Full PDB file with SEQRES, HELIX, SHEET, SSBOND, CRYST1, ORIGX, SCALE, CONECT and MASTER records, all heavy atoms in Angstrom:
SEQRES   1 A   47  PHE PRO ASP VAL PRO THR LEU ALA GLU ALA GLY VAL PRO          
SEQRES   2 A   47  GLY TYR ALA LEU SER THR TRP THR ALA MET VAL GLY PRO          
SEQRES   3 A   47  LYS GLY LEU PRO PRO GLU VAL ALA ALA ALA LEU ASN LYS          
SEQRES   4 A   47  ALA VAL ASN ALA ALA LEU SER GLU                              
HELIX    1 AA1 PRO A   31  ALA A   44  1                                  14    
CRYST1    1.000    1.000    1.000  90.00  90.00  90.00 P 1           1          
ORIGX1      1.000000  0.000000  0.000000        0.00000                         
ORIGX2      0.000000  1.000000  0.000000        0.00000                         
ORIGX3      0.000000  0.000000  1.000000        0.00000                         
SCALE1      1.000000  0.000000  0.000000        0.00000                         
SCALE2      0.000000  1.000000  0.000000        0.00000                         
SCALE3      0.000000  0.000000  1.000000        0.00000                         
ATOM      1  N   PHE A   1      23.946 -71.042  38.598  1.00  0.00           N  
ATOM      2  CA  PHE A   1      24.812 -70.060  37.949  1.00  0.00           C  
ATOM      3  C   PHE A   1      25.587 -70.736  36.817  1.00  0.00           C  
ATOM      4  O   PHE A   1      26.813 -70.855  36.874  1.00  0.00           O  
ATOM      5  CB  PHE A   1      25.767 -69.435  38.982  1.00  0.00           C  
ATOM      6  CG  PHE A   1      25.053 -68.835  40.156  1.00  0.00           C  
ATOM      7  CD1 PHE A   1      24.956 -69.521  41.355  1.00  0.00           C  
ATOM      8  CD2 PHE A   1      24.443 -67.592  40.050  1.00  0.00           C  
ATOM      9  CE1 PHE A   1      24.277 -68.982  42.441  1.00  0.00           C  
ATOM     10  CE2 PHE A   1      23.762 -67.037  41.127  1.00  0.00           C  
ATOM     11  CZ  PHE A   1      23.676 -67.735  42.322  1.00  0.00           C  
ATOM     12  N   PRO A   2      24.880 -71.195  35.790  1.00  0.00           N  
ATOM     13  CA  PRO A   2      25.529 -71.995  34.743  1.00  0.00           C  
ATOM     14  C   PRO A   2      26.588 -71.251  33.930  1.00  0.00           C  
ATOM     15  O   PRO A   2      27.433 -71.885  33.302  1.00  0.00           O  
ATOM     16  CB  PRO A   2      24.363 -72.433  33.852  1.00  0.00           C  
ATOM     17  CG  PRO A   2      23.288 -71.423  34.108  1.00  0.00           C  
ATOM     18  CD  PRO A   2      23.466 -70.993  35.536  1.00  0.00           C  
ATOM     19  N   ASP A   3      26.579 -69.928  33.959  1.00  0.00           N  
ATOM     20  CA  ASP A   3      27.580 -69.163  33.212  1.00  0.00           C  
ATOM     21  C   ASP A   3      28.863 -68.928  34.007  1.00  0.00           C  
ATOM     22  O   ASP A   3      29.831 -68.377  33.469  1.00  0.00           O  
ATOM     23  CB  ASP A   3      27.002 -67.810  32.774  1.00  0.00           C  
ATOM     24  CG  ASP A   3      25.853 -67.979  31.791  1.00  0.00           C  
ATOM     25  OD1 ASP A   3      25.818 -69.012  31.085  1.00  0.00           O  
ATOM     26  OD2 ASP A   3      24.984 -67.100  31.738  1.00  0.00           O  
ATOM     27  N   VAL A   4      28.889 -69.339  35.268  1.00  0.00           N  
ATOM     28  CA  VAL A   4      30.066 -69.146  36.114  1.00  0.00           C  
ATOM     29  C   VAL A   4      30.958 -70.382  35.993  1.00  0.00           C  
ATOM     30  O   VAL A   4      30.507 -71.501  36.208  1.00  0.00           O  
ATOM     31  CB  VAL A   4      29.653 -68.917  37.589  1.00  0.00           C  
ATOM     32  CG1 VAL A   4      30.872 -68.815  38.482  1.00  0.00           C  
ATOM     33  CG2 VAL A   4      28.788 -67.662  37.687  1.00  0.00           C  
ATOM     34  N   PRO A   5      32.228 -70.188  35.645  1.00  0.00           N  
ATOM     35  CA  PRO A   5      33.109 -71.346  35.443  1.00  0.00           C  
ATOM     36  C   PRO A   5      33.504 -72.021  36.750  1.00  0.00           C  
ATOM     37  O   PRO A   5      33.399 -71.435  37.832  1.00  0.00           O  
ATOM     38  CB  PRO A   5      34.344 -70.722  34.783  1.00  0.00           C  
ATOM     39  CG  PRO A   5      34.385 -69.340  35.328  1.00  0.00           C  
ATOM     40  CD  PRO A   5      32.927 -68.919  35.443  1.00  0.00           C  
ATOM     41  N   THR A   6      33.981 -73.240  36.631  1.00  0.00           N  
ATOM     42  CA  THR A   6      34.612 -73.902  37.763  1.00  0.00           C  
ATOM     43  C   THR A   6      36.022 -73.318  37.894  1.00  0.00           C  
ATOM     44  O   THR A   6      36.533 -72.690  36.958  1.00  0.00           O  
ATOM     45  CB  THR A   6      34.728 -75.414  37.544  1.00  0.00           C  
ATOM     46  OG1 THR A   6      35.617 -75.655  36.447  1.00  0.00           O  
ATOM     47  CG2 THR A   6      33.366 -76.044  37.273  1.00  0.00           C  
ATOM     48  N   LEU A   7      36.663 -73.526  39.032  1.00  0.00           N  
ATOM     49  CA  LEU A   7      38.044 -73.060  39.181  1.00  0.00           C  
ATOM     50  C   LEU A   7      38.949 -73.730  38.150  1.00  0.00           C  
ATOM     51  O   LEU A   7      39.855 -73.090  37.617  1.00  0.00           O  
ATOM     52  CB  LEU A   7      38.566 -73.334  40.589  1.00  0.00           C  
ATOM     53  CG  LEU A   7      38.327 -72.234  41.609  1.00  0.00           C  
ATOM     54  CD1 LEU A   7      38.862 -72.642  42.972  1.00  0.00           C  
ATOM     55  CD2 LEU A   7      38.934 -70.924  41.188  1.00  0.00           C  
ATOM     56  N   ALA A   8      38.699 -74.998  37.863  1.00  0.00           N  
ATOM     57  CA  ALA A   8      39.506 -75.693  36.850  1.00  0.00           C  
ATOM     58  C   ALA A   8      39.360 -75.002  35.505  1.00  0.00           C  
ATOM     59  O   ALA A   8      40.349 -74.769  34.793  1.00  0.00           O  
ATOM     60  CB  ALA A   8      39.103 -77.162  36.762  1.00  0.00           C  
ATOM     61  N   GLU A   9      38.142 -74.646  35.135  1.00  0.00           N  
ATOM     62  CA  GLU A   9      37.917 -73.938  33.868  1.00  0.00           C  
ATOM     63  C   GLU A   9      38.549 -72.552  33.879  1.00  0.00           C  
ATOM     64  O   GLU A   9      38.951 -72.039  32.839  1.00  0.00           O  
ATOM     65  CB  GLU A   9      36.414 -73.799  33.592  1.00  0.00           C  
ATOM     66  CG  GLU A   9      35.715 -75.101  33.300  1.00  0.00           C  
ATOM     67  CD  GLU A   9      34.203 -74.956  33.245  1.00  0.00           C  
ATOM     68  OE1 GLU A   9      33.625 -74.132  33.981  1.00  0.00           O  
ATOM     69  OE2 GLU A   9      33.593 -75.700  32.458  1.00  0.00           O  
ATOM     70  N   ALA A  10      38.635 -71.962  35.078  1.00  0.00           N  
ATOM     71  CA  ALA A  10      39.195 -70.614  35.204  1.00  0.00           C  
ATOM     72  C   ALA A  10      40.719 -70.619  35.301  1.00  0.00           C  
ATOM     73  O   ALA A  10      41.325 -69.568  35.450  1.00  0.00           O  
ATOM     74  CB  ALA A  10      38.592 -69.918  36.422  1.00  0.00           C  
ATOM     75  N   GLY A  11      41.329 -71.790  35.220  1.00  0.00           N  
ATOM     76  CA  GLY A  11      42.784 -71.858  35.189  1.00  0.00           C  
ATOM     77  C   GLY A  11      43.452 -72.422  36.421  1.00  0.00           C  
ATOM     78  O   GLY A  11      44.670 -72.320  36.562  1.00  0.00           O  
ATOM     79  N   VAL A  12      42.686 -73.020  37.317  1.00  0.00           N  
ATOM     80  CA  VAL A  12      43.271 -73.648  38.504  1.00  0.00           C  
ATOM     81  C   VAL A  12      42.953 -75.148  38.426  1.00  0.00           C  
ATOM     82  O   VAL A  12      42.019 -75.628  39.070  1.00  0.00           O  
ATOM     83  CB  VAL A  12      42.716 -73.036  39.812  1.00  0.00           C  
ATOM     84  CG1 VAL A  12      43.426 -73.621  41.029  1.00  0.00           C  
ATOM     85  CG2 VAL A  12      42.848 -71.522  39.801  1.00  0.00           C  
ATOM     86  N   PRO A  13      43.709 -75.881  37.631  1.00  0.00           N  
ATOM     87  CA  PRO A  13      43.402 -77.308  37.442  1.00  0.00           C  
ATOM     88  C   PRO A  13      43.639 -78.123  38.712  1.00  0.00           C  
ATOM     89  O   PRO A  13      44.496 -77.788  39.536  1.00  0.00           O  
ATOM     90  CB  PRO A  13      44.371 -77.738  36.337  1.00  0.00           C  
ATOM     91  CG  PRO A  13      45.497 -76.760  36.416  1.00  0.00           C  
ATOM     92  CD  PRO A  13      44.888 -75.467  36.876  1.00  0.00           C  
ATOM     93  N   GLY A  14      42.835 -79.151  38.858  1.00  0.00           N  
ATOM     94  CA  GLY A  14      43.012 -80.063  39.977  1.00  0.00           C  
ATOM     95  C   GLY A  14      42.390 -79.615  41.288  1.00  0.00           C  
ATOM     96  O   GLY A  14      42.467 -80.327  42.279  1.00  0.00           O  
ATOM     97  N   TYR A  15      41.784 -78.434  41.301  1.00  0.00           N  
ATOM     98  CA  TYR A  15      41.162 -77.950  42.528  1.00  0.00           C  
ATOM     99  C   TYR A  15      39.681 -78.257  42.473  1.00  0.00           C  
ATOM    100  O   TYR A  15      38.977 -77.796  41.582  1.00  0.00           O  
ATOM    101  CB  TYR A  15      41.371 -76.440  42.689  1.00  0.00           C  
ATOM    102  CG  TYR A  15      40.886 -75.911  44.025  1.00  0.00           C  
ATOM    103  CD1 TYR A  15      41.780 -75.661  45.050  1.00  0.00           C  
ATOM    104  CD2 TYR A  15      39.541 -75.685  44.261  1.00  0.00           C  
ATOM    105  CE1 TYR A  15      41.357 -75.184  46.280  1.00  0.00           C  
ATOM    106  CE2 TYR A  15      39.098 -75.216  45.490  1.00  0.00           C  
ATOM    107  CZ  TYR A  15      40.007 -74.967  46.491  1.00  0.00           C  
ATOM    108  OH  TYR A  15      39.580 -74.503  47.703  1.00  0.00           O  
ATOM    109  N   ALA A  16      39.212 -79.042  43.413  1.00  0.00           N  
ATOM    110  CA  ALA A  16      37.782 -79.327  43.514  1.00  0.00           C  
ATOM    111  C   ALA A  16      37.442 -79.504  44.983  1.00  0.00           C  
ATOM    112  O   ALA A  16      38.050 -80.315  45.680  1.00  0.00           O  
ATOM    113  CB  ALA A  16      37.413 -80.572  42.729  1.00  0.00           C  
ATOM    114  N   LEU A  17      36.513 -78.714  45.446  1.00  0.00           N  
ATOM    115  CA  LEU A  17      36.104 -78.778  46.840  1.00  0.00           C  
ATOM    116  C   LEU A  17      34.636 -78.406  46.928  1.00  0.00           C  
ATOM    117  O   LEU A  17      34.198 -77.428  46.319  1.00  0.00           O  
ATOM    118  CB  LEU A  17      36.935 -77.801  47.687  1.00  0.00           C  
ATOM    119  CG  LEU A  17      36.664 -77.800  49.179  1.00  0.00           C  
ATOM    120  CD1 LEU A  17      37.066 -79.138  49.808  1.00  0.00           C  
ATOM    121  CD2 LEU A  17      37.413 -76.669  49.849  1.00  0.00           C  
ATOM    122  N   SER A  18      33.894 -79.202  47.654  1.00  0.00           N  
ATOM    123  CA  SER A  18      32.489 -78.865  47.866  1.00  0.00           C  
ATOM    124  C   SER A  18      32.156 -79.106  49.334  1.00  0.00           C  
ATOM    125  O   SER A  18      32.827 -79.862  50.025  1.00  0.00           O  
ATOM    126  CB  SER A  18      31.578 -79.709  46.969  1.00  0.00           C  
ATOM    127  OG  SER A  18      31.696 -81.078  47.287  1.00  0.00           O  
ATOM    128  N   THR A  19      31.133 -78.441  49.776  1.00  0.00           N  
ATOM    129  CA  THR A  19      30.655 -78.659  51.132  1.00  0.00           C  
ATOM    130  C   THR A  19      29.602 -79.751  51.093  1.00  0.00           C  
ATOM    131  O   THR A  19      28.998 -80.017  50.055  1.00  0.00           O  
ATOM    132  CB  THR A  19      30.055 -77.377  51.723  1.00  0.00           C  
ATOM    133  OG1 THR A  19      28.996 -76.931  50.888  1.00  0.00           O  
ATOM    134  CG2 THR A  19      31.104 -76.293  51.859  1.00  0.00           C  
ATOM    135  N   TRP A  20      29.391 -80.362  52.207  1.00  0.00           N  
ATOM    136  CA  TRP A  20      28.391 -81.420  52.277  1.00  0.00           C  
ATOM    137  C   TRP A  20      27.836 -81.479  53.693  1.00  0.00           C  
ATOM    138  O   TRP A  20      28.441 -80.977  54.638  1.00  0.00           O  
ATOM    139  CB  TRP A  20      28.960 -82.771  51.855  1.00  0.00           C  
ATOM    140  CG  TRP A  20      30.296 -83.099  52.459  1.00  0.00           C  
ATOM    141  CD1 TRP A  20      31.529 -82.851  51.916  1.00  0.00           C  
ATOM    142  CD2 TRP A  20      30.547 -83.706  53.729  1.00  0.00           C  
ATOM    143  NE1 TRP A  20      32.516 -83.262  52.768  1.00  0.00           N  
ATOM    144  CE2 TRP A  20      31.943 -83.802  53.899  1.00  0.00           C  
ATOM    145  CE3 TRP A  20      29.733 -84.179  54.753  1.00  0.00           C  
ATOM    146  CZ2 TRP A  20      32.539 -84.352  55.016  1.00  0.00           C  
ATOM    147  CZ3 TRP A  20      30.327 -84.726  55.888  1.00  0.00           C  
ATOM    148  CH2 TRP A  20      31.722 -84.815  55.998  1.00  0.00           C  
ATOM    149  N   THR A  21      26.686 -82.077  53.801  1.00  0.00           N  
ATOM    150  CA  THR A  21      26.039 -82.279  55.088  1.00  0.00           C  
ATOM    151  C   THR A  21      25.717 -83.753  55.200  1.00  0.00           C  
ATOM    152  O   THR A  21      25.217 -84.352  54.241  1.00  0.00           O  
ATOM    153  CB  THR A  21      24.746 -81.456  55.191  1.00  0.00           C  
ATOM    154  OG1 THR A  21      25.075 -80.076  54.991  1.00  0.00           O  
ATOM    155  CG2 THR A  21      24.072 -81.634  56.537  1.00  0.00           C  
ATOM    156  N   ALA A  22      26.001 -84.337  56.334  1.00  0.00           N  
ATOM    157  CA  ALA A  22      25.699 -85.746  56.561  1.00  0.00           C  
ATOM    158  C   ALA A  22      24.875 -85.885  57.830  1.00  0.00           C  
ATOM    159  O   ALA A  22      25.082 -85.158  58.799  1.00  0.00           O  
ATOM    160  CB  ALA A  22      26.988 -86.554  56.684  1.00  0.00           C  
ATOM    161  N   MET A  23      23.970 -86.802  57.789  1.00  0.00           N  
ATOM    162  CA  MET A  23      23.191 -87.120  58.984  1.00  0.00           C  
ATOM    163  C   MET A  23      23.907 -88.288  59.656  1.00  0.00           C  
ATOM    164  O   MET A  23      24.163 -89.308  59.027  1.00  0.00           O  
ATOM    165  CB  MET A  23      21.769 -87.517  58.598  1.00  0.00           C  
ATOM    166  CG  MET A  23      20.864 -87.751  59.742  1.00  0.00           C  
ATOM    167  SD  MET A  23      19.199 -88.036  59.112  1.00  0.00           S  
ATOM    168  CE  MET A  23      18.340 -88.345  60.609  1.00  0.00           C  
ATOM    169  N   VAL A  24      24.260 -88.125  60.921  1.00  0.00           N  
ATOM    170  CA  VAL A  24      24.983 -89.165  61.652  1.00  0.00           C  
ATOM    171  C   VAL A  24      24.244 -89.484  62.946  1.00  0.00           C  
ATOM    172  O   VAL A  24      23.417 -88.704  63.414  1.00  0.00           O  
ATOM    173  CB  VAL A  24      26.441 -88.750  61.951  1.00  0.00           C  
ATOM    174  CG1 VAL A  24      27.224 -88.529  60.665  1.00  0.00           C  
ATOM    175  CG2 VAL A  24      26.486 -87.497  62.808  1.00  0.00           C  
ATOM    176  N   GLY A  25      24.564 -90.629  63.485  1.00  0.00           N  
ATOM    177  CA  GLY A  25      23.957 -91.047  64.747  1.00  0.00           C  
ATOM    178  C   GLY A  25      25.031 -91.534  65.694  1.00  0.00           C  
ATOM    179  O   GLY A  25      26.209 -91.611  65.329  1.00  0.00           O  
ATOM    180  N   PRO A  26      24.635 -91.898  66.892  1.00  0.00           N  
ATOM    181  CA  PRO A  26      25.621 -92.349  67.878  1.00  0.00           C  
ATOM    182  C   PRO A  26      26.199 -93.722  67.517  1.00  0.00           C  
ATOM    183  O   PRO A  26      25.560 -94.513  66.812  1.00  0.00           O  
ATOM    184  CB  PRO A  26      24.812 -92.420  69.176  1.00  0.00           C  
ATOM    185  CG  PRO A  26      23.408 -92.633  68.735  1.00  0.00           C  
ATOM    186  CD  PRO A  26      23.268 -91.905  67.419  1.00  0.00           C  
ATOM    187  N   LYS A  27      27.408 -93.964  68.007  1.00  0.00           N  
ATOM    188  CA  LYS A  27      28.025 -95.270  67.832  1.00  0.00           C  
ATOM    189  C   LYS A  27      27.085 -96.323  68.405  1.00  0.00           C  
ATOM    190  O   LYS A  27      26.473 -96.121  69.457  1.00  0.00           O  
ATOM    191  CB  LYS A  27      29.370 -95.291  68.553  1.00  0.00           C  
ATOM    192  CG  LYS A  27      30.117 -96.578  68.396  1.00  0.00           C  
ATOM    193  CD  LYS A  27      31.469 -96.509  69.076  1.00  0.00           C  
ATOM    194  CE  LYS A  27      32.231 -97.799  68.875  1.00  0.00           C  
ATOM    195  NZ  LYS A  27      33.577 -97.730  69.454  1.00  0.00           N  
ATOM    196  N   GLY A  28      26.945 -97.407  67.706  1.00  0.00           N  
ATOM    197  CA  GLY A  28      26.075 -98.484  68.178  1.00  0.00           C  
ATOM    198  C   GLY A  28      24.612 -98.324  67.787  1.00  0.00           C  
ATOM    199  O   GLY A  28      23.768 -99.101  68.225  1.00  0.00           O  
ATOM    200  N   LEU A  29      24.310 -97.328  66.955  1.00  0.00           N  
ATOM    201  CA  LEU A  29      22.930 -97.160  66.489  1.00  0.00           C  
ATOM    202  C   LEU A  29      22.502 -98.444  65.780  1.00  0.00           C  
ATOM    203  O   LEU A  29      23.211 -98.927  64.892  1.00  0.00           O  
ATOM    204  CB  LEU A  29      22.849 -95.972  65.522  1.00  0.00           C  
ATOM    205  CG  LEU A  29      21.468 -95.590  65.024  1.00  0.00           C  
ATOM    206  CD1 LEU A  29      20.629 -94.997  66.159  1.00  0.00           C  
ATOM    207  CD2 LEU A  29      21.579 -94.574  63.890  1.00  0.00           C  
ATOM    208  N   PRO A  30      21.380 -99.023  66.156  1.00  0.00           N  
ATOM    209  CA  PRO A  30      20.962-100.271  65.506  1.00  0.00           C  
ATOM    210  C   PRO A  30      20.839-100.087  63.987  1.00  0.00           C  
ATOM    211  O   PRO A  30      20.294 -99.070  63.523  1.00  0.00           O  
ATOM    212  CB  PRO A  30      19.602-100.568  66.144  1.00  0.00           C  
ATOM    213  CG  PRO A  30      19.638 -99.859  67.465  1.00  0.00           C  
ATOM    214  CD  PRO A  30      20.459 -98.618  67.223  1.00  0.00           C  
ATOM    215  N   PRO A  31      21.357-101.044  63.223  1.00  0.00           N  
ATOM    216  CA  PRO A  31      21.329-100.928  61.757  1.00  0.00           C  
ATOM    217  C   PRO A  31      19.930-100.689  61.194  1.00  0.00           C  
ATOM    218  O   PRO A  31      19.767 -99.945  60.229  1.00  0.00           O  
ATOM    219  CB  PRO A  31      21.896-102.262  61.276  1.00  0.00           C  
ATOM    220  CG  PRO A  31      22.681-102.795  62.422  1.00  0.00           C  
ATOM    221  CD  PRO A  31      22.028-102.266  63.657  1.00  0.00           C  
ATOM    222  N   GLU A  32      18.919-101.286  61.798  1.00  0.00           N  
ATOM    223  CA  GLU A  32      17.554-101.104  61.283  1.00  0.00           C  
ATOM    224  C   GLU A  32      17.070 -99.670  61.504  1.00  0.00           C  
ATOM    225  O   GLU A  32      16.313 -99.131  60.688  1.00  0.00           O  
ATOM    226  CB  GLU A  32      16.578-102.124  61.881  1.00  0.00           C  
ATOM    227  CG  GLU A  32      16.398-102.049  63.387  1.00  0.00           C  
ATOM    228  CD  GLU A  32      17.440-102.817  64.199  1.00  0.00           C  
ATOM    229  OE1 GLU A  32      18.420-103.331  63.641  1.00  0.00           O  
ATOM    230  OE2 GLU A  32      17.260-102.882  65.421  1.00  0.00           O  
ATOM    231  N   VAL A  33      17.525 -99.030  62.573  1.00  0.00           N  
ATOM    232  CA  VAL A  33      17.168 -97.632  62.822  1.00  0.00           C  
ATOM    233  C   VAL A  33      17.893 -96.742  61.814  1.00  0.00           C  
ATOM    234  O   VAL A  33      17.293 -95.835  61.221  1.00  0.00           O  
ATOM    235  CB  VAL A  33      17.504 -97.218  64.279  1.00  0.00           C  
ATOM    236  CG1 VAL A  33      17.296 -95.724  64.485  1.00  0.00           C  
ATOM    237  CG2 VAL A  33      16.661 -98.027  65.259  1.00  0.00           C  
ATOM    238  N   ALA A  34      19.170 -96.998  61.598  1.00  0.00           N  
ATOM    239  CA  ALA A  34      19.937 -96.229  60.618  1.00  0.00           C  
ATOM    240  C   ALA A  34      19.320 -96.370  59.231  1.00  0.00           C  
ATOM    241  O   ALA A  34      19.182 -95.386  58.496  1.00  0.00           O  
ATOM    242  CB  ALA A  34      21.393 -96.683  60.611  1.00  0.00           C  
ATOM    243  N   ALA A  35      18.930 -97.570  58.869  1.00  0.00           N  
ATOM    244  CA  ALA A  35      18.329 -97.810  57.554  1.00  0.00           C  
ATOM    245  C   ALA A  35      16.995 -97.077  57.421  1.00  0.00           C  
ATOM    246  O   ALA A  35      16.697 -96.491  56.374  1.00  0.00           O  
ATOM    247  CB  ALA A  35      18.151 -99.308  57.318  1.00  0.00           C  
ATOM    248  N   ALA A  36      16.195 -97.090  58.485  1.00  0.00           N  
ATOM    249  CA  ALA A  36      14.896 -96.393  58.449  1.00  0.00           C  
ATOM    250  C   ALA A  36      15.094 -94.881  58.323  1.00  0.00           C  
ATOM    251  O   ALA A  36      14.381 -94.217  57.561  1.00  0.00           O  
ATOM    252  CB  ALA A  36      14.087 -96.731  59.696  1.00  0.00           C  
ATOM    253  N   LEU A  37      16.062 -94.336  59.052  1.00  0.00           N  
ATOM    254  CA  LEU A  37      16.347 -92.901  58.950  1.00  0.00           C  
ATOM    255  C   LEU A  37      16.843 -92.546  57.554  1.00  0.00           C  
ATOM    256  O   LEU A  37      16.425 -91.542  56.974  1.00  0.00           O  
ATOM    257  CB  LEU A  37      17.373 -92.488  60.007  1.00  0.00           C  
ATOM    258  CG  LEU A  37      16.880 -92.473  61.446  1.00  0.00           C  
ATOM    259  CD1 LEU A  37      18.042 -92.310  62.410  1.00  0.00           C  
ATOM    260  CD2 LEU A  37      15.841 -91.382  61.642  1.00  0.00           C  
ATOM    261  N   ASN A  38      17.727 -93.368  56.999  1.00  0.00           N  
ATOM    262  CA  ASN A  38      18.236 -93.128  55.652  1.00  0.00           C  
ATOM    263  C   ASN A  38      17.098 -93.130  54.636  1.00  0.00           C  
ATOM    264  O   ASN A  38      17.027 -92.250  53.770  1.00  0.00           O  
ATOM    265  CB  ASN A  38      19.284 -94.182  55.302  1.00  0.00           C  
ATOM    266  CG  ASN A  38      19.839 -93.997  53.908  1.00  0.00           C  
ATOM    267  OD1 ASN A  38      19.488 -94.738  52.997  1.00  0.00           O  
ATOM    268  ND2 ASN A  38      20.701 -93.020  53.746  1.00  0.00           N  
ATOM    269  N   LYS A  39      16.211 -94.095  54.753  1.00  0.00           N  
ATOM    270  CA  LYS A  39      15.069 -94.189  53.836  1.00  0.00           C  
ATOM    271  C   LYS A  39      14.171 -92.948  53.961  1.00  0.00           C  
ATOM    272  O   LYS A  39      13.742 -92.378  52.954  1.00  0.00           O  
ATOM    273  CB  LYS A  39      14.265 -95.456  54.133  1.00  0.00           C  
ATOM    274  CG  LYS A  39      13.102 -95.677  53.203  1.00  0.00           C  
ATOM    275  CD  LYS A  39      12.395 -96.991  53.519  1.00  0.00           C  
ATOM    276  CE  LYS A  39      11.216 -97.177  52.584  1.00  0.00           C  
ATOM    277  NZ  LYS A  39      10.486 -98.428  52.868  1.00  0.00           N  
ATOM    278  N   ALA A  40      13.926 -92.511  55.191  1.00  0.00           N  
ATOM    279  CA  ALA A  40      13.063 -91.346  55.412  1.00  0.00           C  
ATOM    280  C   ALA A  40      13.701 -90.074  54.859  1.00  0.00           C  
ATOM    281  O   ALA A  40      13.013 -89.245  54.232  1.00  0.00           O  
ATOM    282  CB  ALA A  40      12.763 -91.193  56.903  1.00  0.00           C  
ATOM    283  N   VAL A  41      14.994 -89.903  55.084  1.00  0.00           N  
ATOM    284  CA  VAL A  41      15.675 -88.709  54.571  1.00  0.00           C  
ATOM    285  C   VAL A  41      15.673 -88.714  53.044  1.00  0.00           C  
ATOM    286  O   VAL A  41      15.392 -87.692  52.403  1.00  0.00           O  
ATOM    287  CB  VAL A  41      17.111 -88.610  55.135  1.00  0.00           C  
ATOM    288  CG1 VAL A  41      17.912 -87.539  54.410  1.00  0.00           C  
ATOM    289  CG2 VAL A  41      17.068 -88.321  56.627  1.00  0.00           C  
ATOM    290  N   ASN A  42      15.984 -89.851  52.427  1.00  0.00           N  
ATOM    291  CA  ASN A  42      15.962 -89.925  50.961  1.00  0.00           C  
ATOM    292  C   ASN A  42      14.568 -89.647  50.415  1.00  0.00           C  
ATOM    293  O   ASN A  42      14.429 -88.984  49.380  1.00  0.00           O  
ATOM    294  CB  ASN A  42      16.472 -91.285  50.484  1.00  0.00           C  
ATOM    295  CG  ASN A  42      17.976 -91.388  50.521  1.00  0.00           C  
ATOM    296  OD1 ASN A  42      18.678 -90.393  50.480  1.00  0.00           O  
ATOM    297  ND2 ASN A  42      18.479 -92.606  50.607  1.00  0.00           N  
ATOM    298  N   ALA A  43      13.540 -90.129  51.111  1.00  0.00           N  
ATOM    299  CA  ALA A  43      12.162 -89.867  50.672  1.00  0.00           C  
ATOM    300  C   ALA A  43      11.859 -88.374  50.759  1.00  0.00           C  
ATOM    301  O   ALA A  43      11.280 -87.788  49.827  1.00  0.00           O  
ATOM    302  CB  ALA A  43      11.171 -90.667  51.512  1.00  0.00           C  
ATOM    303  N   ALA A  44      12.252 -87.748  51.859  1.00  0.00           N  
ATOM    304  CA  ALA A  44      12.014 -86.309  52.004  1.00  0.00           C  
ATOM    305  C   ALA A  44      12.749 -85.530  50.916  1.00  0.00           C  
ATOM    306  O   ALA A  44      12.193 -84.590  50.338  1.00  0.00           O  
ATOM    307  CB  ALA A  44      12.454 -85.847  53.390  1.00  0.00           C  
ATOM    308  N   LEU A  45      13.988 -85.931  50.627  1.00  0.00           N  
ATOM    309  CA  LEU A  45      14.771 -85.221  49.613  1.00  0.00           C  
ATOM    310  C   LEU A  45      14.290 -85.506  48.194  1.00  0.00           C  
ATOM    311  O   LEU A  45      14.753 -84.885  47.242  1.00  0.00           O  
ATOM    312  CB  LEU A  45      16.257 -85.570  49.753  1.00  0.00           C  
ATOM    313  CG  LEU A  45      16.914 -85.008  51.016  1.00  0.00           C  
ATOM    314  CD1 LEU A  45      18.325 -85.558  51.174  1.00  0.00           C  
ATOM    315  CD2 LEU A  45      16.927 -83.485  50.986  1.00  0.00           C  
ATOM    316  N   SER A  46      13.348 -86.426  48.044  1.00  0.00           N  
ATOM    317  CA  SER A  46      12.736 -86.691  46.748  1.00  0.00           C  
ATOM    318  C   SER A  46      11.521 -85.806  46.494  1.00  0.00           C  
ATOM    319  O   SER A  46      11.032 -85.730  45.370  1.00  0.00           O  
ATOM    320  CB  SER A  46      12.314 -88.163  46.652  1.00  0.00           C  
ATOM    321  OG  SER A  46      13.440 -89.002  46.684  1.00  0.00           O  
ATOM    322  N   GLU A  47      11.036 -85.146  47.543  1.00  0.00           N  
ATOM    323  CA  GLU A  47       9.861 -84.284  47.420  1.00  0.00           C  
ATOM    324  C   GLU A  47      10.208 -83.057  46.574  1.00  0.00           C  
ATOM    325  O   GLU A  47      11.148 -82.323  46.895  1.00  0.00           O  
ATOM    326  CB  GLU A  47       9.369 -83.841  48.793  1.00  0.00           C  
ATOM    327  CG  GLU A  47       8.786 -84.950  49.636  1.00  0.00           C  
ATOM    328  CD  GLU A  47       7.476 -85.476  49.074  1.00  0.00           C  
ATOM    329  OE1 GLU A  47       6.711 -84.696  48.471  1.00  0.00           O  
ATOM    330  OE2 GLU A  47       7.235 -86.690  49.223  1.00  0.00           O  
TER     331      GLU A  47                                                      
MASTER        0    0    0    1    0    0    0    6  330    1    0    4          
END                                                                             
């Protein structure tokens, strides 16, 4: 929607909020598993 302004452009300066999604795992997840999952997710999101 490139013609729709941001709130800052519409007269509400300093307001910026976005939603986000994060993939998380349990405490103690082995770093190599976390790294492999991160790599796989980034690869999928490159498709």
